[in-house]
Amino acid sequence: MTRPVLIVFVLSFTLFGVSPALGCPSCFGDPDSSMTAGMNAGILLLLGVTGVVLAVFVTFFLYLRKRLVDVNRPIQNMLN
């Protein structure tokens, strides 16, 4: 296919395709189904994992800052 034909094909499929296929179970499905509950649990789990990883990074850099202050304290005392 040539490039303009491919662009027209993709645009027409995107614009006139089946719109419910683009929605997730929360948007177009039964909100009380087990699939929706599992998806929501998965989202919460991924948010929790992301939060824990970010908290570990912050804790690590605070630890490094504390170590830097502890190492520099004897040097400052020697200079005074």
PDB file of N, CA and C in Angstrom:
ATOM      1  N   MET A   1       0.835  -1.188   0.000  1.00  0.00           N
ATOM      2  CA  MET A   1       0.000   0.000   0.000  1.00  0.00           C
ATOM      3  C   MET A   1       0.873   1.241   0.000  1.00  0.00           C
ATOM      4  N   THR A   2       0.350   2.257  -0.647  1.00  0.00           N
ATOM      5  CA  THR A   2       1.075   3.517  -0.607  1.00  0.00           C
ATOM      6  C   THR A   2       0.765   4.235   0.693  1.00  0.00           C
ATOM      7  N   ARG A   3       1.560   5.204   0.994  1.00  0.00           N
ATOM      8  CA  ARG A   3       1.420   5.898   2.272  1.00  0.00           C
ATOM      9  C   ARG A   3       0.065   6.604   2.434  1.00  0.00           C
ATOM     10  N   PRO A   4      -0.451   7.350   1.437  1.00  0.00           N
ATOM     11  CA  PRO A   4      -1.753   8.003   1.624  1.00  0.00           C
ATOM     12  C   PRO A   4      -2.897   7.005   1.807  1.00  0.00           C
ATOM     13  N   VAL A   5      -2.832   5.878   1.116  1.00  0.00           N
ATOM     14  CA  VAL A   5      -3.886   4.871   1.270  1.00  0.00           C
ATOM     15  C   VAL A   5      -3.833   4.283   2.673  1.00  0.00           C
ATOM     16  N   LEU A   6      -2.656   4.046   3.166  1.00  0.00           N
ATOM     17  CA  LEU A   6      -2.498   3.509   4.517  1.00  0.00           C
ATOM     18  C   LEU A   6      -3.012   4.505   5.555  1.00  0.00           C
ATOM     19  N   ILE A   7      -2.720   5.774   5.364  1.00  0.00           N
ATOM     20  CA  ILE A   7      -3.188   6.797   6.305  1.00  0.00           C
ATOM     21  C   ILE A   7      -4.710   6.865   6.296  1.00  0.00           C
ATOM     22  N   VAL A   8      -5.313   6.840   5.118  1.00  0.00           N
ATOM     23  CA  VAL A   8      -6.780   6.873   5.025  1.00  0.00           C
ATOM     24  C   VAL A   8      -7.372   5.627   5.673  1.00  0.00           C
ATOM     25  N   PHE A   9      -6.765   4.474   5.462  1.00  0.00           N
ATOM     26  CA  PHE A   9      -7.262   3.237   6.054  1.00  0.00           C
ATOM     27  C   PHE A   9      -7.207   3.295   7.575  1.00  0.00           C
ATOM     28  N   VAL A  10      -6.096   3.728   8.105  1.00  0.00           N
ATOM     29  CA  VAL A  10      -5.942   3.794   9.562  1.00  0.00           C
ATOM     30  C   VAL A  10      -6.906   4.820  10.156  1.00  0.00           C
ATOM     31  N   LEU A  11      -7.026   5.983   9.544  1.00  0.00           N
ATOM     32  CA  LEU A  11      -7.950   7.000  10.052  1.00  0.00           C
ATOM     33  C   LEU A  11      -9.395   6.531   9.992  1.00  0.00           C
ATOM     34  N   SER A  12      -9.781   5.895   8.902  1.00  0.00           N
ATOM     35  CA  SER A  12     -11.167   5.433   8.792  1.00  0.00           C
ATOM     36  C   SER A  12     -11.447   4.329   9.792  1.00  0.00           C
ATOM     37  N   PHE A  13     -10.487   3.429  10.006  1.00  0.00           N
ATOM     38  CA  PHE A  13     -10.684   2.380  10.998  1.00  0.00           C
ATOM     39  C   PHE A  13     -10.776   2.968  12.404  1.00  0.00           C
ATOM     40  N   THR A  14      -9.961   3.968  12.680  1.00  0.00           N
ATOM     41  CA  THR A  14      -9.981   4.598  13.989  1.00  0.00           C
ATOM     42  C   THR A  14     -11.278   5.355  14.231  1.00  0.00           C
ATOM     43  N   LEU A  15     -11.736   6.088  13.233  1.00  0.00           N
ATOM     44  CA  LEU A  15     -12.933   6.907  13.410  1.00  0.00           C
ATOM     45  C   LEU A  15     -14.220   6.099  13.355  1.00  0.00           C
ATOM     46  N   PHE A  16     -14.269   5.071  12.494  1.00  0.00           N
ATOM     47  CA  PHE A  16     -15.518   4.350  12.286  1.00  0.00           C
ATOM     48  C   PHE A  16     -15.480   2.927  12.830  1.00  0.00           C
ATOM     49  N   GLY A  17     -14.452   2.607  13.581  1.00  0.00           N
ATOM     50  CA  GLY A  17     -14.339   1.276  14.167  1.00  0.00           C
ATOM     51  C   GLY A  17     -15.356   1.104  15.286  1.00  0.00           C
ATOM     52  N   VAL A  18     -15.344  -0.058  15.878  1.00  0.00           N
ATOM     53  CA  VAL A  18     -16.281  -0.347  16.954  1.00  0.00           C
ATOM     54  C   VAL A  18     -15.820   0.403  18.201  1.00  0.00           C
ATOM     55  N   SER A  19     -16.621   1.350  18.657  1.00  0.00           N
ATOM     56  CA  SER A  19     -16.212   2.169  19.794  1.00  0.00           C
ATOM     57  C   SER A  19     -16.243   1.431  21.130  1.00  0.00           C
ATOM     58  N   PRO A  20     -17.175   0.486  21.401  1.00  0.00           N
ATOM     59  CA  PRO A  20     -17.101  -0.204  22.698  1.00  0.00           C
ATOM     60  C   PRO A  20     -15.827  -1.024  22.864  1.00  0.00           C
ATOM     61  N   ALA A  21     -15.164  -1.384  21.779  1.00  0.00           N
ATOM     62  CA  ALA A  21     -13.923  -2.137  21.901  1.00  0.00           C
ATOM     63  C   ALA A  21     -12.814  -1.274  22.488  1.00  0.00           C
ATOM     64  N   LEU A  22     -12.964   0.033  22.450  1.00  0.00           N
ATOM     65  CA  LEU A  22     -11.950   0.926  22.983  1.00  0.00           C
ATOM     66  C   LEU A  22     -12.098   1.160  24.481  1.00  0.00           C
ATOM     67  N   GLY A  23     -13.231   0.774  25.038  1.00  0.00           N
ATOM     68  CA  GLY A  23     -13.479   1.033  26.454  1.00  0.00           C
ATOM     69  C   GLY A  23     -13.031  -0.118  27.334  1.00  0.00           C
ATOM     70  N   CYS A  24     -12.700   0.202  28.556  1.00  0.00           N
ATOM     71  CA  CYS A  24     -12.312  -0.818  29.519  1.00  0.00           C
ATOM     72  C   CYS A  24     -13.575  -1.368  30.199  1.00  0.00           C
ATOM     73  N   PRO A  25     -13.464  -2.445  30.955  1.00  0.00           N
ATOM     74  CA  PRO A  25     -14.643  -3.005  31.621  1.00  0.00           C
ATOM     75  C   PRO A  25     -15.291  -2.037  32.606  1.00  0.00           C
ATOM     76  N   SER A  26     -14.519  -1.126  33.177  1.00  0.00           N
ATOM     77  CA  SER A  26     -15.130  -0.167  34.101  1.00  0.00           C
ATOM     78  C   SER A  26     -16.033   0.814  33.375  1.00  0.00           C
ATOM     79  N   CYS A  27     -15.652   1.172  32.143  1.00  0.00           N
ATOM     80  CA  CYS A  27     -16.430   2.164  31.406  1.00  0.00           C
ATOM     81  C   CYS A  27     -17.656   1.551  30.734  1.00  0.00           C
ATOM     82  N   PHE A  28     -17.485   0.409  30.083  1.00  0.00           N
ATOM     83  CA  PHE A  28     -18.565  -0.163  29.282  1.00  0.00           C
ATOM     84  C   PHE A  28     -19.090  -1.477  29.833  1.00  0.00           C
ATOM     85  N   GLY A  29     -18.503  -1.993  30.862  1.00  0.00           N
ATOM     86  CA  GLY A  29     -18.915  -3.290  31.385  1.00  0.00           C
ATOM     87  C   GLY A  29     -19.764  -3.154  32.624  1.00  0.00           C
ATOM     88  N   ASP A  30     -20.005  -4.279  33.237  1.00  0.00           N
ATOM     89  CA  ASP A  30     -20.770  -4.325  34.474  1.00  0.00           C
ATOM     90  C   ASP A  30     -19.856  -3.890  35.620  1.00  0.00           C
ATOM     91  N   PRO A  31     -20.205  -2.819  36.316  1.00  0.00           N
ATOM     92  CA  PRO A  31     -19.311  -2.342  37.389  1.00  0.00           C
ATOM     93  C   PRO A  31     -19.225  -3.298  38.578  1.00  0.00           C
ATOM     94  N   ASP A  32     -20.157  -4.245  38.682  1.00  0.00           N
ATOM     95  CA  ASP A  32     -20.145  -5.175  39.807  1.00  0.00           C
ATOM     96  C   ASP A  32     -19.576  -6.536  39.442  1.00  0.00           C
ATOM     97  N   SER A  33     -19.004  -6.675  38.241  1.00  0.00           N
ATOM     98  CA  SER A  33     -18.491  -7.985  37.827  1.00  0.00           C
ATOM     99  C   SER A  33     -17.160  -8.271  38.514  1.00  0.00           C
ATOM    100  N   SER A  34     -16.809  -9.544  38.514  1.00  0.00           N
ATOM    101  CA  SER A  34     -15.548  -9.935  39.150  1.00  0.00           C
ATOM    102  C   SER A  34     -14.346  -9.458  38.331  1.00  0.00           C
ATOM    103  N   MET A  35     -14.536  -9.315  37.015  1.00  0.00           N
ATOM    104  CA  MET A  35     -13.445  -8.833  36.179  1.00  0.00           C
ATOM    105  C   MET A  35     -13.111  -7.374  36.516  1.00  0.00           C
ATOM    106  N   THR A  36     -14.113  -6.580  36.738  1.00  0.00           N
ATOM    107  CA  THR A  36     -13.891  -5.183  37.114  1.00  0.00           C
ATOM    108  C   THR A  36     -13.253  -5.092  38.497  1.00  0.00           C
ATOM    109  N   ALA A  37     -13.698  -5.927  39.411  1.00  0.00           N
ATOM    110  CA  ALA A  37     -13.107  -5.919  40.758  1.00  0.00           C
ATOM    111  C   ALA A  37     -11.642  -6.341  40.701  1.00  0.00           C
ATOM    112  N   GLY A  38     -11.328  -7.337  39.873  1.00  0.00           N
ATOM    113  CA  GLY A  38      -9.940  -7.769  39.729  1.00  0.00           C
ATOM    114  C   GLY A  38      -9.075  -6.701  39.094  1.00  0.00           C
ATOM    115  N   MET A  39      -9.637  -5.995  38.100  1.00  0.00           N
ATOM    116  CA  MET A  39      -8.876  -4.933  37.454  1.00  0.00           C
ATOM    117  C   MET A  39      -8.604  -3.796  38.447  1.00  0.00           C
ATOM    118  N   ASN A  40      -9.587  -3.446  39.232  1.00  0.00           N
ATOM    119  CA  ASN A  40      -9.388  -2.381  40.233  1.00  0.00           C
ATOM    120  C   ASN A  40      -8.365  -2.802  41.287  1.00  0.00           C
ATOM    121  N   ALA A  41      -8.398  -4.072  41.673  1.00  0.00           N
ATOM    122  CA  ALA A  41      -7.399  -4.564  42.635  1.00  0.00           C
ATOM    123  C   ALA A  41      -6.001  -4.516  42.020  1.00  0.00           C
ATOM    124  N   GLY A  42      -5.900  -4.859  40.739  1.00  0.00           N
ATOM    125  CA  GLY A  42      -4.606  -4.790  40.063  1.00  0.00           C
ATOM    126  C   GLY A  42      -4.077  -3.377  39.982  1.00  0.00           C
ATOM    127  N   ILE A  43      -4.961  -2.429  39.706  1.00  0.00           N
ATOM    128  CA  ILE A  43      -4.554  -1.017  39.645  1.00  0.00           C
ATOM    129  C   ILE A  43      -4.049  -0.559  41.011  1.00  0.00           C
ATOM    130  N   LEU A  44      -4.770  -0.919  42.059  1.00  0.00           N
ATOM    131  CA  LEU A  44      -4.343  -0.525  43.408  1.00  0.00           C
ATOM    132  C   LEU A  44      -3.009  -1.182  43.780  1.00  0.00           C
ATOM    133  N   LEU A  45      -2.825  -2.437  43.369  1.00  0.00           N
ATOM    134  CA  LEU A  45      -1.561  -3.108  43.643  1.00  0.00           C
ATOM    135  C   LEU A  45      -0.398  -2.412  42.937  1.00  0.00           C
ATOM    136  N   LEU A  46      -0.596  -2.054  41.673  1.00  0.00           N
ATOM    137  CA  LEU A  46       0.472  -1.366  40.942  1.00  0.00           C
ATOM    138  C   LEU A  46       0.762   0.013  41.536  1.00  0.00           C
ATOM    139  N   LEU A  47      -0.271   0.721  41.968  1.00  0.00           N
ATOM    140  CA  LEU A  47      -0.042   2.006  42.631  1.00  0.00           C
ATOM    141  C   LEU A  47       0.713   1.818  43.945  1.00  0.00           C
ATOM    142  N   GLY A  48       0.379   0.756  44.674  1.00  0.00           N
ATOM    143  CA  GLY A  48       1.084   0.474  45.924  1.00  0.00           C
ATOM    144  C   GLY A  48       2.547   0.147  45.697  1.00  0.00           C
ATOM    145  N   VAL A  49       2.835  -0.664  44.687  1.00  0.00           N
ATOM    146  CA  VAL A  49       4.221  -1.015  44.379  1.00  0.00           C
ATOM    147  C   VAL A  49       4.999   0.233  43.970  1.00  0.00           C
ATOM    148  N   THR A  50       4.382   1.075  43.155  1.00  0.00           N
ATOM    149  CA  THR A  50       5.044   2.317  42.738  1.00  0.00           C
ATOM    150  C   THR A  50       5.326   3.208  43.949  1.00  0.00           C
ATOM    151  N   GLY A  51       4.376   3.318  44.849  1.00  0.00           N
ATOM    152  CA  GLY A  51       4.567   4.129  46.050  1.00  0.00           C
ATOM    153  C   GLY A  51       5.688   3.593  46.932  1.00  0.00           C
ATOM    154  N   VAL A  52       5.755   2.276  47.074  1.00  0.00           N
ATOM    155  CA  VAL A  52       6.813   1.674  47.895  1.00  0.00           C
ATOM    156  C   VAL A  52       8.186   1.915  47.268  1.00  0.00           C
ATOM    157  N   VAL A  53       8.293   1.758  45.957  1.00  0.00           N
ATOM    158  CA  VAL A  53       9.577   1.983  45.288  1.00  0.00           C
ATOM    159  C   VAL A  53      10.008   3.438  45.437  1.00  0.00           C
ATOM    160  N   LEU A  54       9.085   4.368  45.266  1.00  0.00           N
ATOM    161  CA  LEU A  54       9.428   5.785  45.448  1.00  0.00           C
ATOM    162  C   LEU A  54       9.834   6.078  46.886  1.00  0.00           C
ATOM    163  N   ALA A  55       9.160   5.464  47.851  1.00  0.00           N
ATOM    164  CA  ALA A  55       9.511   5.675  49.257  1.00  0.00           C
ATOM    165  C   ALA A  55      10.907   5.128  49.553  1.00  0.00           C
ATOM    166  N   VAL A  56      11.264   4.004  48.944  1.00  0.00           N
ATOM    167  CA  VAL A  56      12.605   3.447  49.141  1.00  0.00           C
ATOM    168  C   VAL A  56      13.667   4.380  48.555  1.00  0.00           C
ATOM    169  N   PHE A  57      13.408   4.958  47.386  1.00  0.00           N
ATOM    170  CA  PHE A  57      14.356   5.909  46.809  1.00  0.00           C
ATOM    171  C   PHE A  57      14.540   7.121  47.723  1.00  0.00           C
ATOM    172  N   VAL A  58      13.458   7.667  48.227  1.00  0.00           N
ATOM    173  CA  VAL A  58      13.550   8.836  49.107  1.00  0.00           C
ATOM    174  C   VAL A  58      14.318   8.474  50.369  1.00  0.00           C
ATOM    175  N   THR A  59      14.017   7.322  50.943  1.00  0.00           N
ATOM    176  CA  THR A  59      14.718   6.883  52.151  1.00  0.00           C
ATOM    177  C   THR A  59      16.204   6.697  51.898  1.00  0.00           C
ATOM    178  N   PHE A  60      16.554   6.140  50.746  1.00  0.00           N
ATOM    179  CA  PHE A  60      17.968   5.935  50.412  1.00  0.00           C
ATOM    180  C   PHE A  60      18.707   7.264  50.298  1.00  0.00           C
ATOM    181  N   PHE A  61      18.110   8.247  49.631  1.00  0.00           N
ATOM    182  CA  PHE A  61      18.790   9.525  49.483  1.00  0.00           C
ATOM    183  C   PHE A  61      18.849  10.294  50.801  1.00  0.00           C
ATOM    184  N   LEU A  62      17.854  10.145  51.658  1.00  0.00           N
ATOM    185  CA  LEU A  62      17.944  10.748  52.987  1.00  0.00           C
ATOM    186  C   LEU A  62      19.052  10.086  53.811  1.00  0.00           C
ATOM    187  N   TYR A  63      19.220   8.782  53.659  1.00  0.00           N
ATOM    188  CA  TYR A  63      20.304   8.064  54.329  1.00  0.00           C
ATOM    189  C   TYR A  63      21.660   8.568  53.842  1.00  0.00           C
ATOM    190  N   LEU A  64      21.788   8.742  52.527  1.00  0.00           N
ATOM    191  CA  LEU A  64      23.051   9.265  51.994  1.00  0.00           C
ATOM    192  C   LEU A  64      23.342  10.663  52.519  1.00  0.00           C
ATOM    193  N   ARG A  65      22.308  11.505  52.614  1.00  0.00           N
ATOM    194  CA  ARG A  65      22.497  12.858  53.136  1.00  0.00           C
ATOM    195  C   ARG A  65      22.950  12.822  54.595  1.00  0.00           C
ATOM    196  N   LYS A  66      22.342  11.928  55.377  1.00  0.00           N
ATOM    197  CA  LYS A  66      22.733  11.798  56.784  1.00  0.00           C
ATOM    198  C   LYS A  66      24.182  11.334  56.903  1.00  0.00           C
ATOM    199  N   ARG A  67      24.572  10.382  56.064  1.00  0.00           N
ATOM    200  CA  ARG A  67      25.958   9.907  56.088  1.00  0.00           C
ATOM    201  C   ARG A  67      26.926  11.022  55.718  1.00  0.00           C
ATOM    202  N   LEU A  68      26.556  11.842  54.730  1.00  0.00           N
ATOM    203  CA  LEU A  68      27.412  12.940  54.323  1.00  0.00           C
ATOM    204  C   LEU A  68      27.591  13.939  55.467  1.00  0.00           C
ATOM    205  N   VAL A  69      26.524  14.229  56.175  1.00  0.00           N
ATOM    206  CA  VAL A  69      26.615  15.158  57.311  1.00  0.00           C
ATOM    207  C   VAL A  69      27.474  14.550  58.411  1.00  0.00           C
ATOM    208  N   ASP A  70      27.309  13.254  58.679  1.00  0.00           N
ATOM    209  CA  ASP A  70      28.094  12.604  59.731  1.00  0.00           C
ATOM    210  C   ASP A  70      29.580  12.541  59.381  1.00  0.00           C
ATOM    211  N   VAL A  71      29.892  12.373  58.099  1.00  0.00           N
ATOM    212  CA  VAL A  71      31.295  12.322  57.684  1.00  0.00           C
ATOM    213  C   VAL A  71      31.919  13.707  57.749  1.00  0.00           C
ATOM    214  N   ASN A  72      31.176  14.725  57.388  1.00  0.00           N
ATOM    215  CA  ASN A  72      31.723  16.085  57.366  1.00  0.00           C
ATOM    216  C   ASN A  72      31.791  16.721  58.754  1.00  0.00           C
ATOM    217  N   ARG A  73      31.073  16.204  59.737  1.00  0.00           N
ATOM    218  CA  ARG A  73      31.070  16.796  61.075  1.00  0.00           C
ATOM    219  C   ARG A  73      32.454  16.775  61.716  1.00  0.00           C
ATOM    220  N   PRO A  74      33.208  15.678  61.721  1.00  0.00           N
ATOM    221  CA  PRO A  74      34.564  15.705  62.330  1.00  0.00           C
ATOM    222  C   PRO A  74      35.505  16.654  61.593  1.00  0.00           C
ATOM    223  N   ILE A  75      35.325  16.767  60.274  1.00  0.00           N
ATOM    224  CA  ILE A  75      36.183  17.685  59.523  1.00  0.00           C
ATOM    225  C   ILE A  75      35.892  19.119  59.929  1.00  0.00           C
ATOM    226  N   GLN A  76      34.632  19.462  60.101  1.00  0.00           N
ATOM    227  CA  GLN A  76      34.267  20.816  60.524  1.00  0.00           C
ATOM    228  C   GLN A  76      34.799  21.099  61.938  1.00  0.00           C
ATOM    229  N   ASN A  77      34.761  20.075  62.818  1.00  0.00           N
ATOM    230  CA  ASN A  77      35.265  20.276  64.191  1.00  0.00           C
ATOM    231  C   ASN A  77      36.771  20.479  64.201  1.00  0.00           C
ATOM    232  N   MET A  78      37.477  19.815  63.291  1.00  0.00           N
ATOM    233  CA  MET A  78      38.928  19.985  63.226  1.00  0.00           C
ATOM    234  C   MET A  78      39.302  21.376  62.699  1.00  0.00           C
ATOM    235  N   LEU A  79      38.486  21.907  61.825  1.00  0.00           N
ATOM    236  CA  LEU A  79      38.796  23.221  61.247  1.00  0.00           C
ATOM    237  C   LEU A  79      38.488  24.360  62.222  1.00  0.00           C
ATOM    238  N   ASN A  80      37.605  24.129  63.162  1.00  0.00           N
ATOM    239  CA  ASN A  80      37.233  25.212  64.097  1.00  0.00           C
ATOM    240  C   ASN A  80      38.153  25.299  65.250  1.00  0.00           C
TER     241      ASN A  80
END
